[in-house]
PDB file of N, CA and C in Angstrom:
ATOM      1  N   MET A   1     109.727 -19.824  20.450  1.00  0.00           N
ATOM      2  CA  MET A   1     109.087 -19.156  21.563  1.00  0.00           C
ATOM      3  C   MET A   1     109.522 -17.690  21.583  1.00  0.00           C
ATOM      4  N   ILE A   2     108.582 -16.811  21.809  1.00  0.00           N
ATOM      5  CA  ILE A   2     108.841 -15.375  21.831  1.00  0.00           C
ATOM      6  C   ILE A   2     109.010 -14.917  23.274  1.00  0.00           C
ATOM      7  N   ASN A   3     110.025 -14.082  23.487  1.00  0.00           N
ATOM      8  CA  ASN A   3     110.227 -13.482  24.799  1.00  0.00           C
ATOM      9  C   ASN A   3     109.230 -12.343  24.953  1.00  0.00           C
ATOM     10  N   ILE A   4     108.154 -12.582  25.706  1.00  0.00           N
ATOM     11  CA  ILE A   4     107.105 -11.572  25.846  1.00  0.00           C
ATOM     12  C   ILE A   4     107.527 -10.410  26.732  1.00  0.00           C
ATOM     13  N   ASN A   5     108.674 -10.511  27.348  1.00  0.00           N
ATOM     14  CA  ASN A   5     109.192  -9.411  28.164  1.00  0.00           C
ATOM     15  C   ASN A   5     109.963  -8.390  27.328  1.00  0.00           C
ATOM     16  N   ASN A   6     110.227  -8.716  26.074  1.00  0.00           N
ATOM     17  CA  ASN A   6     110.914  -7.801  25.173  1.00  0.00           C
ATOM     18  C   ASN A   6     109.861  -7.182  24.251  1.00  0.00           C
ATOM     19  N   PRO A   7     109.496  -5.910  24.468  1.00  0.00           N
ATOM     20  CA  PRO A   7     108.403  -5.305  23.691  1.00  0.00           C
ATOM     21  C   PRO A   7     108.676  -5.240  22.189  1.00  0.00           C
ATOM     22  N   ILE A   8     109.916  -5.106  21.782  1.00  0.00           N
ATOM     23  CA  ILE A   8     110.232  -5.025  20.354  1.00  0.00           C
ATOM     24  C   ILE A   8     109.984  -6.376  19.688  1.00  0.00           C
ATOM     25  N   LEU A   9     110.506  -7.455  20.307  1.00  0.00           N
ATOM     26  CA  LEU A   9     110.293  -8.793  19.744  1.00  0.00           C
ATOM     27  C   LEU A   9     108.819  -9.184  19.766  1.00  0.00           C
ATOM     28  N   LEU A  10     108.118  -8.801  20.816  1.00  0.00           N
ATOM     29  CA  LEU A  10     106.698  -9.102  20.929  1.00  0.00           C
ATOM     30  C   LEU A  10     105.910  -8.399  19.822  1.00  0.00           C
ATOM     31  N   ARG A  11     106.209  -7.128  19.596  1.00  0.00           N
ATOM     32  CA  ARG A  11     105.499  -6.376  18.548  1.00  0.00           C
ATOM     33  C   ARG A  11     105.801  -6.967  17.167  1.00  0.00           C
ATOM     34  N   MET A  12     107.056  -7.352  16.937  1.00  0.00           N
ATOM     35  CA  MET A  12     107.406  -7.952  15.647  1.00  0.00           C
ATOM     36  C   MET A  12     106.631  -9.251  15.432  1.00  0.00           C
ATOM     37  N   ALA A  13     106.520 -10.062  16.462  1.00  0.00           N
ATOM     38  CA  ALA A  13     105.781 -11.325  16.360  1.00  0.00           C
ATOM     39  C   ALA A  13     104.292 -11.054  16.143  1.00  0.00           C
ATOM     40  N   ASP A  14     103.764 -10.042  16.826  1.00  0.00           N
ATOM     41  CA  ASP A  14     102.349  -9.674  16.663  1.00  0.00           C
ATOM     42  C   ASP A  14     102.065  -9.266  15.217  1.00  0.00           C
ATOM     43  N   LEU A  15     102.903  -8.382  14.677  1.00  0.00           N
ATOM     44  CA  LEU A  15     102.686  -7.898  13.313  1.00  0.00           C
ATOM     45  C   LEU A  15     102.832  -9.024  12.298  1.00  0.00           C
ATOM     46  N   ASP A  16     103.775  -9.910  12.537  1.00  0.00           N
ATOM     47  CA  ASP A  16     103.971 -11.053  11.634  1.00  0.00           C
ATOM     48  C   ASP A  16     102.738 -11.955  11.647  1.00  0.00           C
ATOM     49  N   ALA A  17     102.209 -12.226  12.835  1.00  0.00           N
ATOM     50  CA  ALA A  17     101.030 -13.092  12.939  1.00  0.00           C
ATOM     51  C   ALA A  17      99.813 -12.436  12.282  1.00  0.00           C
ATOM     52  N   LEU A  18      99.632 -11.136  12.511  1.00  0.00           N
ATOM     53  CA  LEU A  18      98.509 -10.430  11.892  1.00  0.00           C
ATOM     54  C   LEU A  18      98.635 -10.440  10.369  1.00  0.00           C
ATOM     55  N   SER A  19      99.819 -10.177   9.878  1.00  0.00           N
ATOM     56  CA  SER A  19     100.042 -10.140   8.437  1.00  0.00           C
ATOM     57  C   SER A  19      99.772 -11.498   7.799  1.00  0.00           C
ATOM     58  N   LYS A  20     100.218 -12.562   8.454  1.00  0.00           N
ATOM     59  CA  LYS A  20      99.988 -13.909   7.916  1.00  0.00           C
ATOM     60  C   LYS A  20      98.506 -14.278   7.947  1.00  0.00           C
ATOM     61  N   ALA A  21      97.808 -13.872   9.003  1.00  0.00           N
ATOM     62  CA  ALA A  21      96.405 -14.244   9.149  1.00  0.00           C
ATOM     63  C   ALA A  21      95.475 -13.375   8.300  1.00  0.00           C
ATOM     64  N   LEU A  22      95.783 -12.087   8.189  1.00  0.00           N
ATOM     65  CA  LEU A  22      94.865 -11.152   7.532  1.00  0.00           C
ATOM     66  C   LEU A  22      95.369 -10.591   6.220  1.00  0.00           C
ATOM     67  N   GLY A  23      96.650 -10.795   5.924  1.00  0.00           N
ATOM     68  CA  GLY A  23      97.256 -10.136   4.771  1.00  0.00           C
ATOM     69  C   GLY A  23      97.622  -8.713   5.155  1.00  0.00           C
ATOM     70  N   PRO A  24      98.455  -8.062   4.364  1.00  0.00           N
ATOM     71  CA  PRO A  24      98.924  -6.730   4.745  1.00  0.00           C
ATOM     72  C   PRO A  24      97.803  -5.698   4.848  1.00  0.00           C
ATOM     73  N   VAL A  25      96.852  -5.720   3.932  1.00  0.00           N
ATOM     74  CA  VAL A  25      95.753  -4.737   3.975  1.00  0.00           C
ATOM     75  C   VAL A  25      94.863  -4.996   5.182  1.00  0.00           C
ATOM     76  N   GLY A  26      94.552  -6.252   5.426  1.00  0.00           N
ATOM     77  CA  GLY A  26      93.736  -6.598   6.588  1.00  0.00           C
ATOM     78  C   GLY A  26      94.422  -6.233   7.885  1.00  0.00           C
ATOM     79  N   MET A  27      95.740  -6.410   7.938  1.00  0.00           N
ATOM     80  CA  MET A  27      96.494  -6.057   9.135  1.00  0.00           C
ATOM     81  C   MET A  27      96.371  -4.559   9.405  1.00  0.00           C
ATOM     82  N   VAL A  28      96.529  -3.742   8.369  1.00  0.00           N
ATOM     83  CA  VAL A  28      96.440  -2.291   8.546  1.00  0.00           C
ATOM     84  C   VAL A  28      95.029  -1.903   8.972  1.00  0.00           C
ATOM     85  N   LYS A  29      94.021  -2.475   8.348  1.00  0.00           N
ATOM     86  CA  LYS A  29      92.637  -2.163   8.726  1.00  0.00           C
ATOM     87  C   LYS A  29      92.370  -2.541  10.183  1.00  0.00           C
ATOM     88  N   PHE A  30      92.900  -3.678  10.608  1.00  0.00           N
ATOM     89  CA  PHE A  30      92.734  -4.097  11.995  1.00  0.00           C
ATOM     90  C   PHE A  30      93.391  -3.100  12.935  1.00  0.00           C
ATOM     91  N   MET A  31      94.615  -2.702  12.615  1.00  0.00           N
ATOM     92  CA  MET A  31      95.348  -1.787  13.495  1.00  0.00           C
ATOM     93  C   MET A  31      94.706  -0.396  13.530  1.00  0.00           C
ATOM     94  N   GLN A  32      94.077   0.023  12.432  1.00  0.00           N
ATOM     95  CA  GLN A  32      93.433   1.335  12.400  1.00  0.00           C
ATOM     96  C   GLN A  32      92.263   1.417  13.372  1.00  0.00           C
ATOM     97  N   GLN A  33      91.694   0.291  13.737  1.00  0.00           N
ATOM     98  CA  GLN A  33      90.584   0.292  14.694  1.00  0.00           C
ATOM     99  C   GLN A  33      91.004   0.833  16.053  1.00  0.00           C
ATOM    100  N   PHE A  34      92.284   0.767  16.350  1.00  0.00           N
ATOM    101  CA  PHE A  34      92.766   1.166  17.665  1.00  0.00           C
ATOM    102  C   PHE A  34      93.385   2.557  17.685  1.00  0.00           C
ATOM    103  N   ASP A  35      93.411   3.217  16.523  1.00  0.00           N
ATOM    104  CA  ASP A  35      93.965   4.568  16.432  1.00  0.00           C
ATOM    105  C   ASP A  35      92.814   5.551  16.501  1.00  0.00           C
ATOM    106  N   MET A  36      92.729   6.280  17.591  1.00  0.00           N
ATOM    107  CA  MET A  36      91.641   7.223  17.774  1.00  0.00           C
ATOM    108  C   MET A  36      91.861   8.526  17.021  1.00  0.00           C
ATOM    109  N   GLY A  37      93.058   8.724  16.482  1.00  0.00           N
ATOM    110  CA  GLY A  37      93.333   9.960  15.767  1.00  0.00           C
ATOM    111  C   GLY A  37      93.452  11.124  16.738  1.00  0.00           C
ATOM    112  N   GLN A  38      93.431  12.313  16.156  1.00  0.00           N
ATOM    113  CA  GLN A  38      93.528  13.500  17.001  1.00  0.00           C
ATOM    114  C   GLN A  38      92.757  14.625  16.348  1.00  0.00           C
ATOM    115  N   GLY A  39      92.386  15.589  17.131  1.00  0.00           N
ATOM    116  CA  GLY A  39      91.680  16.743  16.604  1.00  0.00           C
ATOM    117  C   GLY A  39      90.206  16.454  16.368  1.00  0.00           C
ATOM    118  N   ASP A  40      89.554  17.400  15.713  1.00  0.00           N
ATOM    119  CA  ASP A  40      88.130  17.298  15.413  1.00  0.00           C
ATOM    120  C   ASP A  40      87.964  17.437  13.903  1.00  0.00           C
ATOM    121  N   TYR A  41      87.930  16.317  13.211  1.00  0.00           N
ATOM    122  CA  TYR A  41      87.870  16.325  11.750  1.00  0.00           C
ATOM    123  C   TYR A  41      86.669  17.119  11.243  1.00  0.00           C
ATOM    124  N   THR A  42      85.523  16.963  11.909  1.00  0.00           N
ATOM    125  CA  THR A  42      84.315  17.623  11.450  1.00  0.00           C
ATOM    126  C   THR A  42      84.481  19.139  11.425  1.00  0.00           C
ATOM    127  N   LYS A  43      85.128  19.700  12.446  1.00  0.00           N
ATOM    128  CA  LYS A  43      85.385  21.145  12.476  1.00  0.00           C
ATOM    129  C   LYS A  43      86.505  21.528  11.524  1.00  0.00           C
ATOM    130  N   GLU A  44      87.601  20.778  11.574  1.00  0.00           N
ATOM    131  CA  GLU A  44      88.814  21.146  10.848  1.00  0.00           C
ATOM    132  C   GLU A  44      88.664  21.046   9.334  1.00  0.00           C
ATOM    133  N   LYS A  45      87.778  20.185   8.839  1.00  0.00           N
ATOM    134  CA  LYS A  45      87.660  20.035   7.391  1.00  0.00           C
ATOM    135  C   LYS A  45      87.143  21.300   6.723  1.00  0.00           C
ATOM    136  N   TYR A  46      86.497  22.175   7.495  1.00  0.00           N
ATOM    137  CA  TYR A  46      85.979  23.416   6.929  1.00  0.00           C
ATOM    138  C   TYR A  46      86.918  24.601   7.123  1.00  0.00           C
ATOM    139  N   LEU A  47      88.033  24.420   7.802  1.00  0.00           N
ATOM    140  CA  LEU A  47      88.945  25.519   8.080  1.00  0.00           C
ATOM    141  C   LEU A  47      89.811  25.893   6.887  1.00  0.00           C
ATOM    142  N   SER A  48      90.103  24.958   6.003  1.00  0.00           N
ATOM    143  CA  SER A  48      90.960  25.259   4.855  1.00  0.00           C
ATOM    144  C   SER A  48      90.127  25.251   3.576  1.00  0.00           C
ATOM    145  N   GLU A  49      90.598  26.018   2.623  1.00  0.00           N
ATOM    146  CA  GLU A  49      89.925  26.082   1.322  1.00  0.00           C
ATOM    147  C   GLU A  49      90.128  24.750   0.587  1.00  0.00           C
ATOM    148  N   PRO A  50      89.123  24.292  -0.138  1.00  0.00           N
ATOM    149  CA  PRO A  50      89.309  23.063  -0.916  1.00  0.00           C
ATOM    150  C   PRO A  50      90.333  23.280  -2.024  1.00  0.00           C
ATOM    151  N   LEU A  51      91.078  22.244  -2.335  1.00  0.00           N
ATOM    152  CA  LEU A  51      92.076  22.330  -3.399  1.00  0.00           C
ATOM    153  C   LEU A  51      91.394  22.242  -4.764  1.00  0.00           C
ATOM    154  N   SER A  52      91.857  23.079  -5.680  1.00  0.00           N
ATOM    155  CA  SER A  52      91.387  22.967  -7.062  1.00  0.00           C
ATOM    156  C   SER A  52      92.179  21.832  -7.712  1.00  0.00           C
ATOM    157  N   MET A  53      91.760  21.427  -8.895  1.00  0.00           N
ATOM    158  CA  MET A  53      92.495  20.378  -9.606  1.00  0.00           C
ATOM    159  C   MET A  53      93.914  20.846  -9.926  1.00  0.00           C
ATOM    160  N   GLY A  54      94.076  22.134 -10.260  1.00  0.00           N
ATOM    161  CA  GLY A  54      95.408  22.677 -10.528  1.00  0.00           C
ATOM    162  C   GLY A  54      96.296  22.636  -9.296  1.00  0.00           C
ATOM    163  N   ASP A  55      95.697  22.996  -8.137  1.00  0.00           N
ATOM    164  CA  ASP A  55      96.456  22.943  -6.881  1.00  0.00           C
ATOM    165  C   ASP A  55      96.868  21.511  -6.559  1.00  0.00           C
ATOM    166  N   LEU A  56      95.939  20.605  -6.740  1.00  0.00           N
ATOM    167  CA  LEU A  56      96.219  19.192  -6.470  1.00  0.00           C
ATOM    168  C   LEU A  56      97.309  18.671  -7.396  1.00  0.00           C
ATOM    169  N   ASP A  57      97.225  19.048  -8.679  1.00  0.00           N
ATOM    170  CA  ASP A  57      98.250  18.649  -9.644  1.00  0.00           C
ATOM    171  C   ASP A  57      99.615  19.168  -9.211  1.00  0.00           C
ATOM    172  N   GLN A  58      99.677  20.433  -8.777  1.00  0.00           N
ATOM    173  CA  GLN A  58     100.952  21.013  -8.360  1.00  0.00           C
ATOM    174  C   GLN A  58     101.483  20.330  -7.100  1.00  0.00           C
ATOM    175  N   GLU A  59     100.610  20.026  -6.155  1.00  0.00           N
ATOM    176  CA  GLU A  59     101.028  19.326  -4.937  1.00  0.00           C
ATOM    177  C   GLU A  59     101.634  17.960  -5.289  1.00  0.00           C
ATOM    178  N   LEU A  60     100.991  17.247  -6.207  1.00  0.00           N
ATOM    179  CA  LEU A  60     101.499  15.935  -6.610  1.00  0.00           C
ATOM    180  C   LEU A  60     102.843  16.060  -7.321  1.00  0.00           C
ATOM    181  N   ARG A  61     102.982  17.066  -8.174  1.00  0.00           N
ATOM    182  CA  ARG A  61     104.253  17.269  -8.871  1.00  0.00           C
ATOM    183  C   ARG A  61     105.374  17.608  -7.877  1.00  0.00           C
ATOM    184  N   ASN A  62     105.067  18.430  -6.876  1.00  0.00           N
ATOM    185  CA  ASN A  62     106.056  18.766  -5.848  1.00  0.00           C
ATOM    186  C   ASN A  62     106.457  17.520  -5.053  1.00  0.00           C
ATOM    187  N   TYR A  63     105.478  16.698  -4.760  1.00  0.00           N
ATOM    188  CA  TYR A  63     105.721  15.480  -3.998  1.00  0.00           C
ATOM    189  C   TYR A  63     106.625  14.516  -4.763  1.00  0.00           C
ATOM    190  N   MET A  64     106.428  14.449  -6.077  1.00  0.00           N
ATOM    191  CA  MET A  64     107.165  13.494  -6.906  1.00  0.00           C
ATOM    192  C   MET A  64     108.613  13.921  -7.163  1.00  0.00           C
ATOM    193  N   LYS A  65     108.960  15.167  -6.878  1.00  0.00           N
ATOM    194  CA  LYS A  65     110.339  15.642  -7.126  1.00  0.00           C
ATOM    195  C   LYS A  65     111.324  14.971  -6.233  1.00  0.00           C
TER     196      LYS A  65
END
């Protein structure tokens, strides 16, 4: 039995049940439905210059260090 008055234990039980029922990928997809995000993607996607393949390669190399 889960103590539903303890938010940490309740969340752990929720995530465990979702993972068992949907698998890890399904659990993440389910949880993403409730994340509204922030900002205005449609406007913001045009504010920065697109990355070239060289820029992307350098970003990945920096990340891997």
